[in-house]
């Protein structure tokens, strides 16, 4: 799965080219292999950097909305 600029603009309903800053949080019951890819440039990519994200486990109460949503999605699959 890729989260790119077009995807971010679509989900935030911002005009493409607008400056945005923030974070993408992905919650999962299973361990994920995540690699961050950073690019910069104008008409072409001028800078490129990758970084492996270390495993981080969060303990959330079952009553948390995020946990309930994950459990509901898992049942639908």
Protein backbone atom coordinates (compact mmCIF):
# COMPACT_ATOMS: atom_id res chain seq x y z
CA UNK A 1 0.00 0.00 0.00
CA UNK A 2 1.25 3.46 -0.82
CA UNK A 3 0.17 6.73 0.66
CA UNK A 4 1.19 9.39 -1.85
CA UNK A 5 0.41 13.06 -2.46
CA UNK A 6 -2.64 12.41 -4.67
CA UNK A 7 -4.07 10.07 -2.03
CA UNK A 8 -3.51 12.64 0.73
CA UNK A 9 -5.09 15.47 -1.29
CA UNK A 10 -8.11 13.26 -2.04
CA UNK A 11 -8.68 12.33 1.62
CA UNK A 12 -8.14 15.87 2.94
CA UNK A 13 -10.15 17.45 0.09
CA UNK A 14 -7.35 19.99 -0.43
CA UNK A 15 -6.31 21.37 -3.81
CA UNK A 16 -3.32 19.51 -5.33
CA UNK A 17 -0.19 21.59 -4.81
CA UNK A 18 -1.38 22.98 -1.47
CA UNK A 19 1.14 22.70 1.36
CA UNK A 20 0.18 20.01 3.87
CA UNK A 21 2.02 18.73 6.90
CA UNK A 22 1.02 15.87 9.15
CA UNK A 23 1.21 12.15 9.87
CA UNK A 24 -0.41 8.98 8.60
CA UNK A 25 -1.29 6.54 11.37
CA UNK A 26 -1.87 2.90 10.43
CA UNK A 27 -3.29 0.59 13.09
CA UNK A 28 -3.13 -3.19 12.68
CA UNK A 29 -3.54 -6.34 14.78
CA UNK A 30 -0.53 -7.85 12.98
CA UNK A 31 3.04 -6.64 12.72
CA UNK A 32 3.69 -4.56 9.59
CA UNK A 33 6.87 -4.02 7.57
CA UNK A 34 6.90 -0.25 7.02
CA UNK A 35 9.38 1.71 4.91
CA UNK A 36 9.12 5.50 4.64
CA UNK A 37 10.02 6.94 1.25
CA UNK A 38 10.68 10.66 1.05
CA UNK A 39 10.97 12.47 -2.28
CA UNK A 40 11.31 16.11 -3.24
CA UNK A 41 11.49 17.96 -6.50
CA UNK A 42 9.55 19.98 -9.01
CA UNK A 43 8.85 18.35 -12.37
CA UNK A 44 11.15 15.42 -11.55
CA UNK A 45 12.37 13.77 -8.35
CA UNK A 46 15.51 15.59 -7.22
CA UNK A 47 15.95 13.98 -3.80
CA UNK A 48 15.10 10.47 -2.61
CA UNK A 49 15.47 8.88 0.84
CA UNK A 50 14.13 5.67 2.40
CA UNK A 51 13.97 4.73 6.05
CA UNK A 52 12.79 1.49 7.70
CA UNK A 53 10.37 2.20 10.52
CA UNK A 54 11.06 0.15 13.68
CA UNK A 55 8.28 -1.97 15.19
CA UNK A 56 6.18 -0.12 17.74
CA UNK A 57 3.50 -1.92 19.71
CA UNK A 58 0.68 0.03 21.30
CA UNK A 59 -1.53 -1.44 23.99
CA UNK A 60 -5.01 0.00 23.61
CA UNK A 61 -8.10 -0.83 25.67
CA UNK A 62 -10.69 -2.91 23.79
CA UNK A 63 -13.15 -0.06 24.30
CA UNK A 64 -11.06 2.33 22.18
CA UNK A 65 -12.80 3.37 18.95
CA UNK A 66 -9.75 2.40 16.86
CA UNK A 67 -9.79 -1.14 18.29
CA UNK A 68 -13.54 -1.50 17.73
CA UNK A 69 -13.15 -0.34 14.10
CA UNK A 70 -10.31 -2.80 13.49
CA UNK A 71 -12.31 -5.66 14.99
CA UNK A 72 -15.35 -4.79 12.83
CA UNK A 73 -13.21 -4.62 9.66
CA UNK A 74 -11.58 -7.96 10.49
CA UNK A 75 -15.03 -9.61 10.80
CA UNK A 76 -16.03 -8.22 7.36
CA UNK A 77 -13.05 -9.87 5.62
